[in-house]
């Protein structure tokens, strides 16, 4: 049951990222240079040149899916943080909630003290 829940959570996260990417794509404050990331990703997917040919059923499509997810993540990370935060809030998320959904990032919290030697 836990695997199903994690799988649903993963796909829900992917869908949310696509929604954020779509909103950012149409935002005029996002530079044209940044918007080239999704363009080149789509260009790679429709290109006949692939790292793994699409004729190999299953594996060839995973190559394209991976490129799509990497291109989307690159696009979101290249967009200024203030614009991403605005869109996340408009989508009903606070930034803390969004970051909690990215469970693949390990965070180590601690305290530090400066000492004069």
PDB file of N, CA and C in Angstrom:
ATOM      1  N   UNK A   1       0.828  -1.199   0.000  1.00  0.00           N
ATOM      2  CA  UNK A   1       0.000   0.000   0.000  1.00  0.00           C
ATOM      3  C   UNK A   1       0.866   1.254   0.000  1.00  0.00           C
ATOM      4  N   UNK A   2       1.992   1.206   0.719  1.00  0.00           N
ATOM      5  CA  UNK A   2       2.887   2.352   0.804  1.00  0.00           C
ATOM      6  C   UNK A   2       3.478   2.693  -0.565  1.00  0.00           C
ATOM      7  N   UNK A   3       3.792   1.656  -1.374  1.00  0.00           N
ATOM      8  CA  UNK A   3       4.340   1.892  -2.707  1.00  0.00           C
ATOM      9  C   UNK A   3       3.344   2.619  -3.590  1.00  0.00           C
ATOM     10  N   UNK A   4       2.065   2.264  -3.505  1.00  0.00           N
ATOM     11  CA  UNK A   4       1.033   2.934  -4.289  1.00  0.00           C
ATOM     12  C   UNK A   4       0.914   4.394  -3.888  1.00  0.00           C
ATOM     13  N   UNK A   5       0.978   4.638  -2.588  1.00  0.00           N
ATOM     14  CA  UNK A   5       0.870   6.006  -2.092  1.00  0.00           C
ATOM     15  C   UNK A   5       2.049   6.853  -2.578  1.00  0.00           C
ATOM     16  N   UNK A   6       3.260   6.282  -2.556  1.00  0.00           N
ATOM     17  CA  UNK A   6       4.442   6.987  -3.028  1.00  0.00           C
ATOM     18  C   UNK A   6       4.374   7.226  -4.519  1.00  0.00           C
ATOM     19  N   UNK A   7       3.859   6.267  -5.267  1.00  0.00           N
ATOM     20  CA  UNK A   7       3.723   6.399  -6.712  1.00  0.00           C
ATOM     21  C   UNK A   7       2.741   7.512  -7.064  1.00  0.00           C
ATOM     22  N   UNK A   8       1.619   7.541  -6.361  1.00  0.00           N
ATOM     23  CA  UNK A   8       0.624   8.600  -6.591  1.00  0.00           C
ATOM     24  C   UNK A   8       1.219   9.961  -6.235  1.00  0.00           C
ATOM     25  N   UNK A   9       1.959  10.024  -5.141  1.00  0.00           N
ATOM     26  CA  UNK A   9       2.595  11.267  -4.720  1.00  0.00           C
ATOM     27  C   UNK A   9       3.602  11.747  -5.761  1.00  0.00           C
ATOM     28  N   UNK A  10       4.371  10.819  -6.324  1.00  0.00           N
ATOM     29  CA  UNK A  10       5.344  11.165  -7.355  1.00  0.00           C
ATOM     30  C   UNK A  10       4.656  11.751  -8.577  1.00  0.00           C
ATOM     31  N   UNK A  11       3.606  11.082  -9.054  1.00  0.00           N
ATOM     32  CA  UNK A  11       2.906  11.571 -10.238  1.00  0.00           C
ATOM     33  C   UNK A  11       2.192  12.890  -9.957  1.00  0.00           C
ATOM     34  N   UNK A  12       1.670  13.068  -8.758  1.00  0.00           N
ATOM     35  CA  UNK A  12       1.031  14.338  -8.406  1.00  0.00           C
ATOM     36  C   UNK A  12       2.062  15.461  -8.428  1.00  0.00           C
ATOM     37  N   UNK A  13       3.265  15.175  -7.946  1.00  0.00           N
ATOM     38  CA  UNK A  13       4.338  16.166  -7.970  1.00  0.00           C
ATOM     39  C   UNK A  13       4.720  16.532  -9.403  1.00  0.00           C
ATOM     40  N   UNK A  14       4.787  15.535 -10.273  1.00  0.00           N
ATOM     41  CA  UNK A  14       5.116  15.788 -11.689  1.00  0.00           C
ATOM     42  C   UNK A  14       4.040  16.650 -12.330  1.00  0.00           C
ATOM     43  N   UNK A  15       2.782  16.350 -12.059  1.00  0.00           N
ATOM     44  CA  UNK A  15       1.677  17.132 -12.631  1.00  0.00           C
ATOM     45  C   UNK A  15       1.737  18.577 -12.127  1.00  0.00           C
ATOM     46  N   UNK A  16       2.029  18.772 -10.834  1.00  0.00           N
ATOM     47  CA  UNK A  16       2.153  20.131 -10.288  1.00  0.00           C
ATOM     48  C   UNK A  16       3.291  20.882 -10.970  1.00  0.00           C
ATOM     49  N   UNK A  17       4.405  20.201 -11.215  1.00  0.00           N
ATOM     50  CA  UNK A  17       5.541  20.850 -11.877  1.00  0.00           C
ATOM     51  C   UNK A  17       5.186  21.250 -13.307  1.00  0.00           C
ATOM     52  N   UNK A  18       4.442  20.391 -14.009  1.00  0.00           N
ATOM     53  CA  UNK A  18       4.012  20.760 -15.355  1.00  0.00           C
ATOM     54  C   UNK A  18       3.082  21.968 -15.309  1.00  0.00           C
ATOM     55  N   UNK A  19       2.196  22.016 -14.317  1.00  0.00           N
ATOM     56  CA  UNK A  19       1.316  23.175 -14.170  1.00  0.00           C
ATOM     57  C   UNK A  19       2.110  24.447 -13.925  1.00  0.00           C
ATOM     58  N   UNK A  20       3.117  24.362 -13.057  1.00  0.00           N
ATOM     59  CA  UNK A  20       3.969  25.520 -12.794  1.00  0.00           C
ATOM     60  C   UNK A  20       4.728  25.912 -14.052  1.00  0.00           C
ATOM     61  N   UNK A  21       5.279  24.935 -14.753  1.00  0.00           N
ATOM     62  CA  UNK A  21       6.010  25.220 -15.989  1.00  0.00           C
ATOM     63  C   UNK A  21       5.140  25.894 -17.034  1.00  0.00           C
ATOM     64  N   UNK A  22       3.900  25.432 -17.159  1.00  0.00           N
ATOM     65  CA  UNK A  22       2.967  26.024 -18.131  1.00  0.00           C
ATOM     66  C   UNK A  22       2.694  27.488 -17.793  1.00  0.00           C
ATOM     67  N   UNK A  23       2.472  27.759 -16.513  1.00  0.00           N
ATOM     68  CA  UNK A  23       2.218  29.138 -16.093  1.00  0.00           C
ATOM     69  C   UNK A  23       3.431  30.027 -16.367  1.00  0.00           C
ATOM     70  N   UNK A  24       4.622  29.501 -16.063  1.00  0.00           N
ATOM     71  CA  UNK A  24       5.845  30.285 -16.267  1.00  0.00           C
ATOM     72  C   UNK A  24       6.108  30.531 -17.749  1.00  0.00           C
ATOM     73  N   UNK A  25       5.745  29.579 -18.578  1.00  0.00           N
ATOM     74  CA  UNK A  25       5.959  29.720 -20.022  1.00  0.00           C
ATOM     75  C   UNK A  25       5.195  30.911 -20.584  1.00  0.00           C
ATOM     76  N   UNK A  26       4.031  31.204 -20.033  1.00  0.00           N
ATOM     77  CA  UNK A  26       3.201  32.288 -20.540  1.00  0.00           C
ATOM     78  C   UNK A  26       3.399  33.598 -19.782  1.00  0.00           C
ATOM     79  N   UNK A  27       4.265  33.617 -18.799  1.00  0.00           N
ATOM     80  CA  UNK A  27       4.522  34.838 -18.029  1.00  0.00           C
ATOM     81  C   UNK A  27       5.496  35.722 -18.809  1.00  0.00           C
ATOM     82  N   UNK A  28       5.091  36.955 -19.136  1.00  0.00           N
ATOM     83  CA  UNK A  28       5.977  37.827 -19.921  1.00  0.00           C
ATOM     84  C   UNK A  28       7.224  38.276 -19.159  1.00  0.00           C
ATOM     85  N   UNK A  29       7.248  38.110 -17.839  1.00  0.00           N
ATOM     86  CA  UNK A  29       8.424  38.510 -17.064  1.00  0.00           C
ATOM     87  C   UNK A  29       9.556  37.493 -17.166  1.00  0.00           C
ATOM     88  N   UNK A  30       9.248  36.290 -17.618  1.00  0.00           N
ATOM     89  CA  UNK A  30      10.281  35.271 -17.800  1.00  0.00           C
ATOM     90  C   UNK A  30      10.959  35.532 -19.135  1.00  0.00           C
ATOM     91  N   UNK A  31      12.294  35.593 -19.106  1.00  0.00           N
ATOM     92  CA  UNK A  31      13.032  35.974 -20.317  1.00  0.00           C
ATOM     93  C   UNK A  31      12.891  34.931 -21.421  1.00  0.00           C
ATOM     94  N   UNK A  32      13.060  35.396 -22.636  1.00  0.00           N
ATOM     95  CA  UNK A  32      13.005  34.520 -23.801  1.00  0.00           C
ATOM     96  C   UNK A  32      14.106  33.465 -23.720  1.00  0.00           C
ATOM     97  N   UNK A  33      15.268  33.840 -23.218  1.00  0.00           N
ATOM     98  CA  UNK A  33      16.380  32.895 -23.090  1.00  0.00           C
ATOM     99  C   UNK A  33      16.010  31.741 -22.163  1.00  0.00           C
ATOM    100  N   UNK A  34      15.334  32.050 -21.090  1.00  0.00           N
ATOM    101  CA  UNK A  34      14.906  31.006 -20.165  1.00  0.00           C
ATOM    102  C   UNK A  34      13.856  30.116 -20.819  1.00  0.00           C
ATOM    103  N   UNK A  35      12.997  30.702 -21.623  1.00  0.00           N
ATOM    104  CA  UNK A  35      11.943  29.935 -22.292  1.00  0.00           C
ATOM    105  C   UNK A  35      12.486  29.028 -23.394  1.00  0.00           C
ATOM    106  N   UNK A  36      13.768  29.187 -23.727  1.00  0.00           N
ATOM    107  CA  UNK A  36      14.364  28.303 -24.721  1.00  0.00           C
ATOM    108  C   UNK A  36      14.584  26.893 -24.169  1.00  0.00           C
ATOM    109  N   UNK A  37      14.687  26.757 -22.844  1.00  0.00           N
ATOM    110  CA  UNK A  37      14.895  25.429 -22.247  1.00  0.00           C
ATOM    111  C   UNK A  37      13.761  24.464 -22.618  1.00  0.00           C
ATOM    112  N   UNK A  38      12.480  24.847 -22.434  1.00  0.00           N
ATOM    113  CA  UNK A  38      11.421  23.918 -22.858  1.00  0.00           C
ATOM    114  C   UNK A  38      11.389  23.721 -24.375  1.00  0.00           C
ATOM    115  N   UNK A  39      11.709  24.782 -25.111  1.00  0.00           N
ATOM    116  CA  UNK A  39      11.711  24.682 -26.570  1.00  0.00           C
ATOM    117  C   UNK A  39      12.719  23.634 -27.035  1.00  0.00           C
ATOM    118  N   UNK A  40      13.949  23.696 -26.499  1.00  0.00           N
ATOM    119  CA  UNK A  40      14.968  22.732 -26.903  1.00  0.00           C
ATOM    120  C   UNK A  40      14.646  21.319 -26.398  1.00  0.00           C
ATOM    121  N   UNK A  41      13.964  21.237 -25.283  1.00  0.00           N
ATOM    122  CA  UNK A  41      13.550  19.926 -24.779  1.00  0.00           C
ATOM    123  C   UNK A  41      12.566  19.280 -25.744  1.00  0.00           C
ATOM    124  N   UNK A  42      11.575  20.042 -26.172  1.00  0.00           N
ATOM    125  CA  UNK A  42      10.582  19.527 -27.133  1.00  0.00           C
ATOM    126  C   UNK A  42      11.267  19.195 -28.454  1.00  0.00           C
ATOM    127  N   UNK A  43      12.205  20.051 -28.868  1.00  0.00           N
ATOM    128  CA  UNK A  43      12.947  19.807 -30.103  1.00  0.00           C
ATOM    129  C   UNK A  43      13.708  18.483 -30.027  1.00  0.00           C
ATOM    130  N   UNK A  44      14.316  18.193 -28.889  1.00  0.00           N
ATOM    131  CA  UNK A  44      15.020  16.923 -28.711  1.00  0.00           C
ATOM    132  C   UNK A  44      14.049  15.746 -28.794  1.00  0.00           C
ATOM    133  N   UNK A  45      12.894  15.897 -28.165  1.00  0.00           N
ATOM    134  CA  UNK A  45      11.931  14.793 -28.133  1.00  0.00           C
ATOM    135  C   UNK A  45      11.403  14.465 -29.533  1.00  0.00           C
ATOM    136  N   UNK A  46      11.148  15.483 -30.350  1.00  0.00           N
ATOM    137  CA  UNK A  46      10.604  15.215 -31.689  1.00  0.00           C
ATOM    138  C   UNK A  46      11.700  14.949 -32.718  1.00  0.00           C
ATOM    139  N   UNK A  47      12.949  15.194 -32.328  1.00  0.00           N
ATOM    140  CA  UNK A  47      14.071  14.959 -33.234  1.00  0.00           C
ATOM    141  C   UNK A  47      14.259  13.464 -33.470  1.00  0.00           C
ATOM    142  N   UNK A  48      14.668  13.101 -34.683  1.00  0.00           N
ATOM    143  CA  UNK A  48      14.937  11.678 -34.937  1.00  0.00           C
ATOM    144  C   UNK A  48      16.234  11.210 -34.262  1.00  0.00           C
ATOM    145  N   UNK A  49      17.062  12.137 -33.799  1.00  0.00           N
ATOM    146  CA  UNK A  49      18.296  11.781 -33.116  1.00  0.00           C
ATOM    147  C   UNK A  49      18.013  11.619 -31.626  1.00  0.00           C
ATOM    148  N   UNK A  50      18.350  10.465 -31.075  1.00  0.00           N
ATOM    149  CA  UNK A  50      18.104  10.166 -29.670  1.00  0.00           C
ATOM    150  C   UNK A  50      19.314   9.452 -29.097  1.00  0.00           C
ATOM    151  N   UNK A  51      19.505   9.552 -27.783  1.00  0.00           N
ATOM    152  CA  UNK A  51      20.515   8.743 -27.117  1.00  0.00           C
ATOM    153  C   UNK A  51      20.110   7.273 -27.189  1.00  0.00           C
ATOM    154  N   UNK A  52      18.836   7.025 -26.962  1.00  0.00           N
ATOM    155  CA  UNK A  52      18.286   5.671 -27.074  1.00  0.00           C
ATOM    156  C   UNK A  52      17.170   5.740 -28.119  1.00  0.00           C
ATOM    157  N   UNK A  53      17.315   5.044 -29.249  1.00  0.00           N
ATOM    158  CA  UNK A  53      16.303   5.137 -30.317  1.00  0.00           C
ATOM    159  C   UNK A  53      14.908   4.744 -29.842  1.00  0.00           C
ATOM    160  N   UNK A  54      13.907   5.459 -30.362  1.00  0.00           N
ATOM    161  CA  UNK A  54      12.517   5.203 -29.972  1.00  0.00           C
ATOM    162  C   UNK A  54      12.001   3.861 -30.495  1.00  0.00           C
ATOM    163  N   UNK A  55      12.696   3.251 -31.440  1.00  0.00           N
ATOM    164  CA  UNK A  55      12.238   1.965 -31.968  1.00  0.00           C
ATOM    165  C   UNK A  55      12.396   0.856 -30.932  1.00  0.00           C
ATOM    166  N   UNK A  56      13.244   1.088 -29.924  1.00  0.00           N
ATOM    167  CA  UNK A  56      13.358   0.129 -28.824  1.00  0.00           C
ATOM    168  C   UNK A  56      12.217   0.447 -27.868  1.00  0.00           C
ATOM    169  N   UNK A  57      11.133  -0.297 -27.979  1.00  0.00           N
ATOM    170  CA  UNK A  57       9.921   0.011 -27.222  1.00  0.00           C
ATOM    171  C   UNK A  57      10.177   0.009 -25.722  1.00  0.00           C
ATOM    172  N   UNK A  58       9.638   0.998 -25.076  1.00  0.00           N
ATOM    173  CA  UNK A  58       9.769   1.125 -23.623  1.00  0.00           C
ATOM    174  C   UNK A  58      10.987   1.932 -23.239  1.00  0.00           C
ATOM    175  N   UNK A  59      12.161   1.416 -23.542  1.00  0.00           N
ATOM    176  CA  UNK A  59      13.399   2.086 -23.147  1.00  0.00           C
ATOM    177  C   UNK A  59      13.571   3.402 -23.918  1.00  0.00           C
ATOM    178  N   UNK A  60      13.240   3.402 -25.191  1.00  0.00           N
ATOM    179  CA  UNK A  60      13.369   4.613 -26.004  1.00  0.00           C
ATOM    180  C   UNK A  60      12.451   5.724 -25.525  1.00  0.00           C
ATOM    181  N   UNK A  61      11.294   5.374 -25.012  1.00  0.00           N
ATOM    182  CA  UNK A  61      10.356   6.380 -24.518  1.00  0.00           C
ATOM    183  C   UNK A  61      10.784   6.912 -23.147  1.00  0.00           C
ATOM    184  N   UNK A  62      11.443   6.070 -22.352  1.00  0.00           N
ATOM    185  CA  UNK A  62      11.947   6.509 -21.050  1.00  0.00           C
ATOM    186  C   UNK A  62      12.996   7.600 -21.243  1.00  0.00           C
ATOM    187  N   UNK A  63      13.803   7.470 -22.282  1.00  0.00           N
ATOM    188  CA  UNK A  63      14.788   8.491 -22.642  1.00  0.00           C
ATOM    189  C   UNK A  63      14.102   9.840 -22.856  1.00  0.00           C
ATOM    190  N   UNK A  64      13.025   9.839 -23.616  1.00  0.00           N
ATOM    191  CA  UNK A  64      12.290  11.083 -23.890  1.00  0.00           C
ATOM    192  C   UNK A  64      11.631  11.638 -22.630  1.00  0.00           C
ATOM    193  N   UNK A  65      11.066  10.763 -21.806  1.00  0.00           N
ATOM    194  CA  UNK A  65      10.441  11.201 -20.563  1.00  0.00           C
ATOM    195  C   UNK A  65      11.477  11.832 -19.638  1.00  0.00           C
ATOM    196  N   UNK A  66      12.641  11.218 -19.550  1.00  0.00           N
ATOM    197  CA  UNK A  66      13.718  11.780 -18.731  1.00  0.00           C
ATOM    198  C   UNK A  66      14.140  13.149 -19.227  1.00  0.00           C
ATOM    199  N   UNK A  67      14.276  13.300 -20.545  1.00  0.00           N
ATOM    200  CA  UNK A  67      14.646  14.599 -21.118  1.00  0.00           C
ATOM    201  C   UNK A  67      13.576  15.643 -20.812  1.00  0.00           C
ATOM    202  N   UNK A  68      12.321  15.242 -20.887  1.00  0.00           N
ATOM    203  CA  UNK A  68      11.220  16.165 -20.597  1.00  0.00           C
ATOM    204  C   UNK A  68      11.257  16.636 -19.149  1.00  0.00           C
ATOM    205  N   UNK A  69      11.472  15.706 -18.224  1.00  0.00           N
ATOM    206  CA  UNK A  69      11.510  16.069 -16.802  1.00  0.00           C
ATOM    207  C   UNK A  69      12.728  16.931 -16.473  1.00  0.00           C
ATOM    208  N   UNK A  70      13.877  16.621 -17.058  1.00  0.00           N
ATOM    209  CA  UNK A  70      15.086  17.425 -16.822  1.00  0.00           C
ATOM    210  C   UNK A  70      14.915  18.821 -17.413  1.00  0.00           C
ATOM    211  N   UNK A  71      14.363  18.900 -18.618  1.00  0.00           N
ATOM    212  CA  UNK A  71      14.134  20.204 -19.247  1.00  0.00           C
ATOM    213  C   UNK A  71      13.167  21.063 -18.449  1.00  0.00           C
ATOM    214  N   UNK A  72      12.118  20.449 -17.915  1.00  0.00           N
ATOM    215  CA  UNK A  72      11.145  21.173 -17.096  1.00  0.00           C
ATOM    216  C   UNK A  72      11.801  21.688 -15.822  1.00  0.00           C
ATOM    217  N   UNK A  73      12.573  20.838 -15.167  1.00  0.00           N
ATOM    218  CA  UNK A  73      13.241  21.244 -13.926  1.00  0.00           C
ATOM    219  C   UNK A  73      14.247  22.366 -14.196  1.00  0.00           C
ATOM    220  N   UNK A  74      14.977  22.270 -15.295  1.00  0.00           N
ATOM    221  CA  UNK A  74      15.930  23.318 -15.668  1.00  0.00           C
ATOM    222  C   UNK A  74      15.206  24.638 -15.896  1.00  0.00           C
ATOM    223  N   UNK A  75      14.087  24.591 -16.601  1.00  0.00           N
ATOM    224  CA  UNK A  75      13.298  25.792 -16.865  1.00  0.00           C
ATOM    225  C   UNK A  75      12.834  26.449 -15.569  1.00  0.00           C
ATOM    226  N   UNK A  76      12.329  25.654 -14.635  1.00  0.00           N
ATOM    227  CA  UNK A  76      11.848  26.200 -13.366  1.00  0.00           C
ATOM    228  C   UNK A  76      13.001  26.810 -12.583  1.00  0.00           C
ATOM    229  N   UNK A  77      14.155  26.130 -12.570  1.00  0.00           N
ATOM    230  CA  UNK A  77      15.297  26.639 -11.799  1.00  0.00           C
ATOM    231  C   UNK A  77      15.941  27.866 -12.429  1.00  0.00           C
ATOM    232  N   UNK A  78      15.830  28.026 -13.745  1.00  0.00           N
ATOM    233  CA  UNK A  78      16.391  29.209 -14.412  1.00  0.00           C
ATOM    234  C   UNK A  78      15.501  30.439 -14.262  1.00  0.00           C
ATOM    235  N   UNK A  79      14.233  30.221 -13.946  1.00  0.00           N
ATOM    236  CA  UNK A  79      13.291  31.331 -13.763  1.00  0.00           C
ATOM    237  C   UNK A  79      13.576  32.008 -12.429  1.00  0.00           C
ATOM    238  N   UNK A  80      13.559  33.355 -12.402  1.00  0.00           N
ATOM    239  CA  UNK A  80      13.811  34.054 -11.131  1.00  0.00           C
ATOM    240  C   UNK A  80      12.892  33.553 -10.014  1.00  0.00           C
ATOM    241  N   UNK A  81      13.479  33.401  -8.840  1.00  0.00           N
ATOM    242  CA  UNK A  81      12.772  32.800  -7.700  1.00  0.00           C
ATOM    243  C   UNK A  81      11.512  33.573  -7.317  1.00  0.00           C
ATOM    244  N   UNK A  82      11.550  34.888  -7.420  1.00  0.00           N
ATOM    245  CA  UNK A  82      10.382  35.702  -7.050  1.00  0.00           C
ATOM    246  C   UNK A  82       9.185  35.386  -7.953  1.00  0.00           C
ATOM    247  N   UNK A  83       9.437  35.175  -9.227  1.00  0.00           N
ATOM    248  CA  UNK A  83       8.354  34.865 -10.170  1.00  0.00           C
ATOM    249  C   UNK A  83       7.795  33.467  -9.876  1.00  0.00           C
ATOM    250  N   UNK A  84       8.688  32.512  -9.611  1.00  0.00           N
ATOM    251  CA  UNK A  84       8.245  31.151  -9.282  1.00  0.00           C
ATOM    252  C   UNK A  84       7.397  31.183  -8.015  1.00  0.00           C
ATOM    253  N   UNK A  85       7.844  31.933  -7.004  1.00  0.00           N
ATOM    254  CA  UNK A  85       7.100  32.031  -5.745  1.00  0.00           C
ATOM    255  C   UNK A  85       5.715  32.618  -5.974  1.00  0.00           C
ATOM    256  N   UNK A  86       5.622  33.658  -6.797  1.00  0.00           N
ATOM    257  CA  UNK A  86       4.308  34.258  -7.096  1.00  0.00           C
ATOM    258  C   UNK A  86       3.365  33.241  -7.726  1.00  0.00           C
ATOM    259  N   UNK A  87       3.886  32.470  -8.668  1.00  0.00           N
ATOM    260  CA  UNK A  87       3.032  31.483  -9.336  1.00  0.00           C
ATOM    261  C   UNK A  87       2.645  30.353  -8.384  1.00  0.00           C
ATOM    262  N   UNK A  88       3.562  29.949  -7.531  1.00  0.00           N
ATOM    263  CA  UNK A  88       3.229  28.913  -6.551  1.00  0.00           C
ATOM    264  C   UNK A  88       2.112  29.388  -5.624  1.00  0.00           C
ATOM    265  N   UNK A  89       2.199  30.641  -5.191  1.00  0.00           N
ATOM    266  CA  UNK A  89       1.157  31.187  -4.324  1.00  0.00           C
ATOM    267  C   UNK A  89      -0.169  31.277  -5.071  1.00  0.00           C
ATOM    268  N   UNK A  90      -0.127  31.653  -6.346  1.00  0.00           N
ATOM    269  CA  UNK A  90      -1.353  31.724  -7.142  1.00  0.00           C
ATOM    270  C   UNK A  90      -1.963  30.331  -7.348  1.00  0.00           C
ATOM    271  N   UNK A  91      -1.111  29.300  -7.320  1.00  0.00           N
ATOM    272  CA  UNK A  91      -1.591  27.925  -7.460  1.00  0.00           C
ATOM    273  C   UNK A  91      -2.095  27.362  -6.132  1.00  0.00           C
ATOM    274  N   UNK A  92      -1.963  28.139  -5.053  1.00  0.00           N
ATOM    275  CA  UNK A  92      -2.476  27.714  -3.757  1.00  0.00           C
ATOM    276  C   UNK A  92      -1.449  27.081  -2.844  1.00  0.00           C
ATOM    277  N   UNK A  93      -0.169  27.216  -3.176  1.00  0.00           N
ATOM    278  CA  UNK A  93       0.888  26.655  -2.339  1.00  0.00           C
ATOM    279  C   UNK A  93       1.619  27.775  -1.636  1.00  0.00           C
ATOM    280  N   UNK A  94       2.075  27.509  -0.424  1.00  0.00           N
ATOM    281  CA  UNK A  94       3.078  28.398   0.117  1.00  0.00           C
ATOM    282  C   UNK A  94       4.410  27.734  -0.178  1.00  0.00           C
ATOM    283  N   UNK A  95       5.466  28.500  -0.200  1.00  0.00           N
ATOM    284  CA  UNK A  95       6.749  27.976  -0.643  1.00  0.00           C
ATOM    285  C   UNK A  95       7.201  26.832   0.248  1.00  0.00           C
ATOM    286  N   UNK A  96       6.943  26.889   1.543  1.00  0.00           N
ATOM    287  CA  UNK A  96       7.310  25.810   2.442  1.00  0.00           C
ATOM    288  C   UNK A  96       6.629  24.510   2.078  1.00  0.00           C
ATOM    289  N   UNK A  97       5.344  24.587   1.704  1.00  0.00           N
ATOM    290  CA  UNK A  97       4.592  23.401   1.286  1.00  0.00           C
ATOM    291  C   UNK A  97       5.218  22.792   0.047  1.00  0.00           C
ATOM    292  N   UNK A  98       5.561  23.623  -0.910  1.00  0.00           N
ATOM    293  CA  UNK A  98       6.133  23.155  -2.175  1.00  0.00           C
ATOM    294  C   UNK A  98       7.460  22.448  -1.919  1.00  0.00           C
ATOM    295  N   UNK A  99       8.288  23.046  -1.066  1.00  0.00           N
ATOM    296  CA  UNK A  99       9.587  22.456  -0.786  1.00  0.00           C
ATOM    297  C   UNK A  99       9.451  21.144  -0.038  1.00  0.00           C
ATOM    298  N   UNK A 100       8.418  21.005   0.810  1.00  0.00           N
ATOM    299  CA  UNK A 100       8.192  19.748   1.510  1.00  0.00           C
ATOM    300  C   UNK A 100       7.839  18.631   0.542  1.00  0.00           C
ATOM    301  N   UNK A 101       7.259  18.972  -0.607  1.00  0.00           N
ATOM    302  CA  UNK A 101       6.881  17.961  -1.589  1.00  0.00           C
ATOM    303  C   UNK A 101       8.101  17.391  -2.293  1.00  0.00           C
ATOM    304  N   UNK A 102       9.200  18.123  -2.281  1.00  0.00           N
ATOM    305  CA  UNK A 102      10.432  17.647  -2.897  1.00  0.00           C
ATOM    306  C   UNK A 102      11.211  16.845  -1.867  1.00  0.00           C
ATOM    307  N   UNK A 103      10.735  15.635  -1.602  1.00  0.00           N
ATOM    308  CA  UNK A 103      11.325  14.809  -0.558  1.00  0.00           C
ATOM    309  C   UNK A 103      12.658  14.211  -0.969  1.00  0.00           C
ATOM    310  N   UNK A 104      13.026  14.341  -2.255  1.00  0.00           N
ATOM    311  CA  UNK A 104      14.280  13.749  -2.685  1.00  0.00           C
ATOM    312  C   UNK A 104      15.490  14.568  -2.249  1.00  0.00           C
ATOM    313  N   UNK A 105      15.268  15.739  -1.678  1.00  0.00           N
ATOM    314  CA  UNK A 105      16.358  16.589  -1.215  1.00  0.00           C
ATOM    315  C   UNK A 105      16.565  16.330   0.273  1.00  0.00           C
ATOM    316  N   UNK A 106      17.778  15.911   0.630  1.00  0.00           N
ATOM    317  CA  UNK A 106      18.106  15.700   2.032  1.00  0.00           C
ATOM    318  C   UNK A 106      18.566  17.015   2.636  1.00  0.00           C
ATOM    319  N   UNK A 107      17.984  17.387   3.751  1.00  0.00           N
ATOM    320  CA  UNK A 107      18.319  18.633   4.422  1.00  0.00           C
ATOM    321  C   UNK A 107      18.874  18.297   5.789  1.00  0.00           C
ATOM    322  N   UNK A 108      20.034  18.838   6.066  1.00  0.00           N
ATOM    323  CA  UNK A 108      20.648  18.636   7.372  1.00  0.00           C
ATOM    324  C   UNK A 108      20.656  19.987   8.072  1.00  0.00           C
ATOM    325  N   UNK A 109      19.958  20.045   9.190  1.00  0.00           N
ATOM    326  CA  UNK A 109      19.903  21.281   9.948  1.00  0.00           C
ATOM    327  C   UNK A 109      20.848  21.181  11.134  1.00  0.00           C
ATOM    328  N   UNK A 110      21.395  22.309  11.523  1.00  0.00           N
ATOM    329  CA  UNK A 110      22.296  22.310  12.668  1.00  0.00           C
ATOM    330  C   UNK A 110      22.581  23.728  13.109  1.00  0.00           C
ATOM    331  N   UNK A 111      23.350  23.832  14.157  1.00  0.00           N
ATOM    332  CA  UNK A 111      23.754  25.131  14.673  1.00  0.00           C
ATOM    333  C   UNK A 111      25.267  25.239  14.577  1.00  0.00           C
ATOM    334  N   UNK A 112      25.748  26.446  14.492  1.00  0.00           N
ATOM    335  CA  UNK A 112      27.181  26.628  14.435  1.00  0.00           C
ATOM    336  C   UNK A 112      27.578  27.767  15.368  1.00  0.00           C
ATOM    337  N   UNK A 113      28.827  27.768  15.692  1.00  0.00           N
ATOM    338  CA  UNK A 113      29.357  28.784  16.603  1.00  0.00           C
ATOM    339  C   UNK A 113      30.737  29.179  16.076  1.00  0.00           C
ATOM    340  N   UNK A 114      30.981  30.483  15.969  1.00  0.00           N
ATOM    341  CA  UNK A 114      32.284  30.972  15.532  1.00  0.00           C
ATOM    342  C   UNK A 114      33.175  31.135  16.747  1.00  0.00           C
ATOM    343  N   UNK A 115      34.380  30.596  16.656  1.00  0.00           N
ATOM    344  CA  UNK A 115      35.313  30.709  17.757  1.00  0.00           C
ATOM    345  C   UNK A 115      36.584  31.395  17.261  1.00  0.00           C
ATOM    346  N   UNK A 116      37.083  32.305  18.050  1.00  0.00           N
ATOM    347  CA  UNK A 116      38.362  32.941  17.741  1.00  0.00           C
ATOM    348  C   UNK A 116      39.470  32.039  18.213  1.00  0.00           C
ATOM    349  N   UNK A 117      40.446  31.801  17.370  1.00  0.00           N
ATOM    350  CA  UNK A 117      41.560  30.951  17.784  1.00  0.00           C
ATOM    351  C   UNK A 117      42.802  31.752  17.984  1.00  0.00           C
TER     352      UNK A 117
END
